[in-house]
Amino acid sequence: MSSAVFIAVILAAFLHAVWNAMVKNMKDKYLGMSGIVLGHLPASIVVIFLTPIPAPESIPFIILSAIIHNGYQWFLLNSYKFGDYTKVYPVARGAAPILVTIISLFFLGTVLSNFEILGIFTISIY
């Protein structure tokens, strides 16, 4: 792994921890989550101008990814009405690998070994 990739991963982990702490400590979860999500906009605009234009074939996947991510954010935010952040967030994060695995197996024809499936469920349960 190159040092640039390592630094990017560590920075992402740090920013994620800060984001989690900010939302956890906010009384108004809607305001906190909205601030975090909208706070990505300035950096996103800079990245758009510094990176090459995506291939036209990837545009539908980018749009679908954005829709799915916004749905995830919306469901996560609404789930805070029913449970504490420390219980809701780990469930939301642990469900994603299982959902992706199920979709990949049943709709995309992906073949996984029993060991790979065990690894996915182990990560999700942890």
C-alpha atoms as a PDB file:
ATOM      1  CA  MET A   1       0.000   0.000   0.000  1.00  0.00           C
ATOM      2  CA  SER A   2       1.393   3.363  -0.955  1.00  0.00           C
ATOM      3  CA  SER A   3       1.814   6.035   1.680  1.00  0.00           C
ATOM      4  CA  ALA A   4      -0.751   8.255  -0.085  1.00  0.00           C
ATOM      5  CA  VAL A   5      -3.398   5.524   0.142  1.00  0.00           C
ATOM      6  CA  PHE A   6      -2.488   4.855   3.771  1.00  0.00           C
ATOM      7  CA  ILE A   7      -2.799   8.544   4.657  1.00  0.00           C
ATOM      8  CA  ALA A   8      -6.141   8.769   2.824  1.00  0.00           C
ATOM      9  CA  VAL A   9      -7.492   5.762   4.769  1.00  0.00           C
ATOM     10  CA  ILE A  10      -6.310   7.148   8.118  1.00  0.00           C
ATOM     11  CA  LEU A  11      -7.741  10.590   7.297  1.00  0.00           C
ATOM     12  CA  ALA A  12     -11.064   9.023   6.293  1.00  0.00           C
ATOM     13  CA  ALA A  13     -11.186   7.047   9.552  1.00  0.00           C
ATOM     14  CA  PHE A  14     -10.403  10.177  11.563  1.00  0.00           C
ATOM     15  CA  LEU A  15     -13.054  12.237   9.777  1.00  0.00           C
ATOM     16  CA  HIS A  16     -15.590   9.428  10.226  1.00  0.00           C
ATOM     17  CA  ALA A  17     -14.874   9.297  13.968  1.00  0.00           C
ATOM     18  CA  VAL A  18     -15.260  13.074  14.231  1.00  0.00           C
ATOM     19  CA  TRP A  19     -18.537  12.918  12.296  1.00  0.00           C
ATOM     20  CA  ASN A  20     -19.862  10.176  14.570  1.00  0.00           C
ATOM     21  CA  ALA A  21     -18.917  12.108  17.692  1.00  0.00           C
ATOM     22  CA  MET A  22     -20.548  15.276  16.386  1.00  0.00           C
ATOM     23  CA  VAL A  23     -23.851  13.562  15.579  1.00  0.00           C
ATOM     24  CA  LYS A  24     -23.822  11.611  18.854  1.00  0.00           C
ATOM     25  CA  ASN A  25     -23.396  14.775  20.925  1.00  0.00           C
ATOM     26  CA  MET A  26     -25.981  16.893  19.088  1.00  0.00           C
ATOM     27  CA  LYS A  27     -29.381  17.163  20.760  1.00  0.00           C
ATOM     28  CA  ASP A  28     -31.046  17.753  17.396  1.00  0.00           C
ATOM     29  CA  LYS A  29     -29.955  14.771  15.272  1.00  0.00           C
ATOM     30  CA  TYR A  30     -31.619  16.233  12.154  1.00  0.00           C
ATOM     31  CA  LEU A  31     -29.603  19.423  12.433  1.00  0.00           C
ATOM     32  CA  GLY A  32     -26.376  17.552  13.186  1.00  0.00           C
ATOM     33  CA  MET A  33     -26.782  15.081  10.341  1.00  0.00           C
ATOM     34  CA  SER A  34     -27.832  17.821   7.919  1.00  0.00           C
ATOM     35  CA  GLY A  35     -24.777  19.859   8.852  1.00  0.00           C
ATOM     36  CA  ILE A  36     -22.474  16.911   8.287  1.00  0.00           C
ATOM     37  CA  VAL A  37     -24.050  15.952   4.960  1.00  0.00           C
ATOM     38  CA  LEU A  38     -24.146  19.515   3.645  1.00  0.00           C
ATOM     39  CA  GLY A  39     -20.631  20.067   4.965  1.00  0.00           C
ATOM     40  CA  HIS A  40     -19.401  17.697   2.258  1.00  0.00           C
ATOM     41  CA  LEU A  41     -20.504  20.081  -0.494  1.00  0.00           C
ATOM     42  CA  PRO A  42     -17.501  22.457  -0.537  1.00  0.00           C
ATOM     43  CA  ALA A  43     -15.004  19.592  -0.673  1.00  0.00           C
ATOM     44  CA  SER A  44     -17.101  17.838  -3.325  1.00  0.00           C
ATOM     45  CA  ILE A  45     -17.106  20.905  -5.540  1.00  0.00           C
ATOM     46  CA  VAL A  46     -13.315  21.161  -5.283  1.00  0.00           C
ATOM     47  CA  VAL A  47     -12.898  17.460  -6.115  1.00  0.00           C
ATOM     48  CA  ILE A  48     -15.200  17.796  -9.132  1.00  0.00           C
ATOM     49  CA  PHE A  49     -12.876  20.417 -10.621  1.00  0.00           C
ATOM     50  CA  LEU A  50      -9.681  18.506  -9.791  1.00  0.00           C
ATOM     51  CA  THR A  51     -10.637  15.102 -11.181  1.00  0.00           C
ATOM     52  CA  PRO A  52     -11.334  13.942 -14.717  1.00  0.00           C
ATOM     53  CA  ILE A  53     -14.905  13.704 -15.980  1.00  0.00           C
ATOM     54  CA  PRO A  54     -16.320  10.199 -15.440  1.00  0.00           C
ATOM     55  CA  ALA A  55     -16.933   7.979 -18.448  1.00  0.00           C
ATOM     56  CA  PRO A  56     -20.502   8.339 -19.754  1.00  0.00           C
ATOM     57  CA  GLU A  57     -21.128   4.642 -19.047  1.00  0.00           C
ATOM     58  CA  SER A  58     -20.552   5.241 -15.335  1.00  0.00           C
ATOM     59  CA  ILE A  59     -23.118   8.062 -14.974  1.00  0.00           C
ATOM     60  CA  PRO A  60     -26.115   5.756 -14.257  1.00  0.00           C
ATOM     61  CA  PHE A  61     -24.085   4.003 -11.558  1.00  0.00           C
ATOM     62  CA  ILE A  62     -23.060   7.314 -10.008  1.00  0.00           C
ATOM     63  CA  ILE A  63     -26.687   8.474  -9.939  1.00  0.00           C
ATOM     64  CA  LEU A  64     -27.902   5.165  -8.500  1.00  0.00           C
ATOM     65  CA  SER A  65     -25.160   5.268  -5.875  1.00  0.00           C
ATOM     66  CA  ALA A  66     -26.161   8.804  -4.875  1.00  0.00           C
ATOM     67  CA  ILE A  67     -29.815   7.782  -4.591  1.00  0.00           C
ATOM     68  CA  ILE A  68     -28.982   4.734  -2.474  1.00  0.00           C
ATOM     69  CA  HIS A  69     -26.674   6.742  -0.220  1.00  0.00           C
ATOM     70  CA  ASN A  70     -29.289   9.448   0.289  1.00  0.00           C
ATOM     71  CA  GLY A  71     -31.818   6.746   1.152  1.00  0.00           C
ATOM     72  CA  TYR A  72     -29.387   5.290   3.667  1.00  0.00           C
ATOM     73  CA  GLN A  73     -28.848   8.717   5.238  1.00  0.00           C
ATOM     74  CA  TRP A  74     -32.611   9.323   5.417  1.00  0.00           C
ATOM     75  CA  PHE A  75     -33.348   5.936   7.021  1.00  0.00           C
ATOM     76  CA  LEU A  76     -30.451   6.360   9.449  1.00  0.00           C
ATOM     77  CA  LEU A  77     -31.645   9.787  10.488  1.00  0.00           C
ATOM     78  CA  ASN A  78     -35.221   8.592  10.989  1.00  0.00           C
ATOM     79  CA  SER A  79     -34.073   5.567  12.971  1.00  0.00           C
ATOM     80  CA  TYR A  80     -32.747   7.904  15.674  1.00  0.00           C
ATOM     81  CA  LYS A  81     -36.381   8.497  16.623  1.00  0.00           C
ATOM     82  CA  PHE A  82     -36.575   4.884  17.765  1.00  0.00           C
ATOM     83  CA  GLY A  83     -33.214   4.234  19.369  1.00  0.00           C
ATOM     84  CA  ASP A  84     -30.021   5.692  20.745  1.00  0.00           C
ATOM     85  CA  TYR A  85     -27.208   6.508  18.333  1.00  0.00           C
ATOM     86  CA  THR A  86     -24.904   3.911  19.887  1.00  0.00           C
ATOM     87  CA  LYS A  87     -27.424   1.182  19.088  1.00  0.00           C
ATOM     88  CA  VAL A  88     -28.868   2.379  15.784  1.00  0.00           C
ATOM     89  CA  TYR A  89     -25.653   3.246  13.952  1.00  0.00           C
ATOM     90  CA  PRO A  90     -23.863  -0.108  14.426  1.00  0.00           C
ATOM     91  CA  VAL A  91     -26.952  -1.949  13.175  1.00  0.00           C
ATOM     92  CA  ALA A  92     -27.119   0.271  10.097  1.00  0.00           C
ATOM     93  CA  ARG A  93     -23.415  -0.222   9.363  1.00  0.00           C
ATOM     94  CA  GLY A  94     -23.549  -3.969   9.966  1.00  0.00           C
ATOM     95  CA  ALA A  95     -26.573  -4.454   7.719  1.00  0.00           C
ATOM     96  CA  ALA A  96     -24.891  -2.970   4.632  1.00  0.00           C
ATOM     97  CA  PRO A  97     -22.441  -5.834   3.921  1.00  0.00           C
ATOM     98  CA  ILE A  98     -25.223  -8.387   4.357  1.00  0.00           C
ATOM     99  CA  LEU A  99     -27.569  -6.512   2.011  1.00  0.00           C
ATOM    100  CA  VAL A 100     -24.839  -6.113  -0.613  1.00  0.00           C
ATOM    101  CA  THR A 101     -24.030  -9.821  -0.345  1.00  0.00           C
ATOM    102  CA  ILE A 102     -27.671 -10.842  -0.770  1.00  0.00           C
ATOM    103  CA  ILE A 103     -28.155  -8.546  -3.768  1.00  0.00           C
ATOM    104  CA  SER A 104     -24.894  -9.757  -5.320  1.00  0.00           C
ATOM    105  CA  LEU A 105     -25.793 -13.419  -4.865  1.00  0.00           C
ATOM    106  CA  PHE A 106     -29.388 -13.297  -6.045  1.00  0.00           C
ATOM    107  CA  PHE A 107     -29.410 -10.525  -8.646  1.00  0.00           C
ATOM    108  CA  LEU A 108     -25.864 -10.192  -9.976  1.00  0.00           C
ATOM    109  CA  GLY A 109     -24.881 -13.855 -10.157  1.00  0.00           C
ATOM    110  CA  THR A 110     -21.893 -13.491  -7.847  1.00  0.00           C
ATOM    111  CA  VAL A 111     -20.483 -16.751  -6.530  1.00  0.00           C
ATOM    112  CA  LEU A 112     -18.912 -16.687  -3.073  1.00  0.00           C
ATOM    113  CA  SER A 113     -17.236 -19.487  -1.171  1.00  0.00           C
ATOM    114  CA  ASN A 114     -18.549 -20.535   2.218  1.00  0.00           C
ATOM    115  CA  PHE A 115     -15.435 -18.979   3.758  1.00  0.00           C
ATOM    116  CA  GLU A 116     -16.163 -15.609   2.101  1.00  0.00           C
ATOM    117  CA  ILE A 117     -19.782 -15.673   3.273  1.00  0.00           C
ATOM    118  CA  LEU A 118     -18.623 -16.541   6.800  1.00  0.00           C
ATOM    119  CA  GLY A 119     -16.230 -13.567   6.682  1.00  0.00           C
ATOM    120  CA  ILE A 120     -19.012 -11.197   5.600  1.00  0.00           C
ATOM    121  CA  PHE A 121     -21.330 -12.333   8.381  1.00  0.00           C
ATOM    122  CA  THR A 122     -18.496 -12.199  10.926  1.00  0.00           C
ATOM    123  CA  ILE A 123     -17.738  -8.595   9.990  1.00  0.00           C
ATOM    124  CA  SER A 124     -21.427  -7.680  10.156  1.00  0.00           C
ATOM    125  CA  ILE A 125     -22.025  -9.296  13.545  1.00  0.00           C
ATOM    126  CA  TYR A 126     -18.935  -7.741  15.113  1.00  0.00           C
END
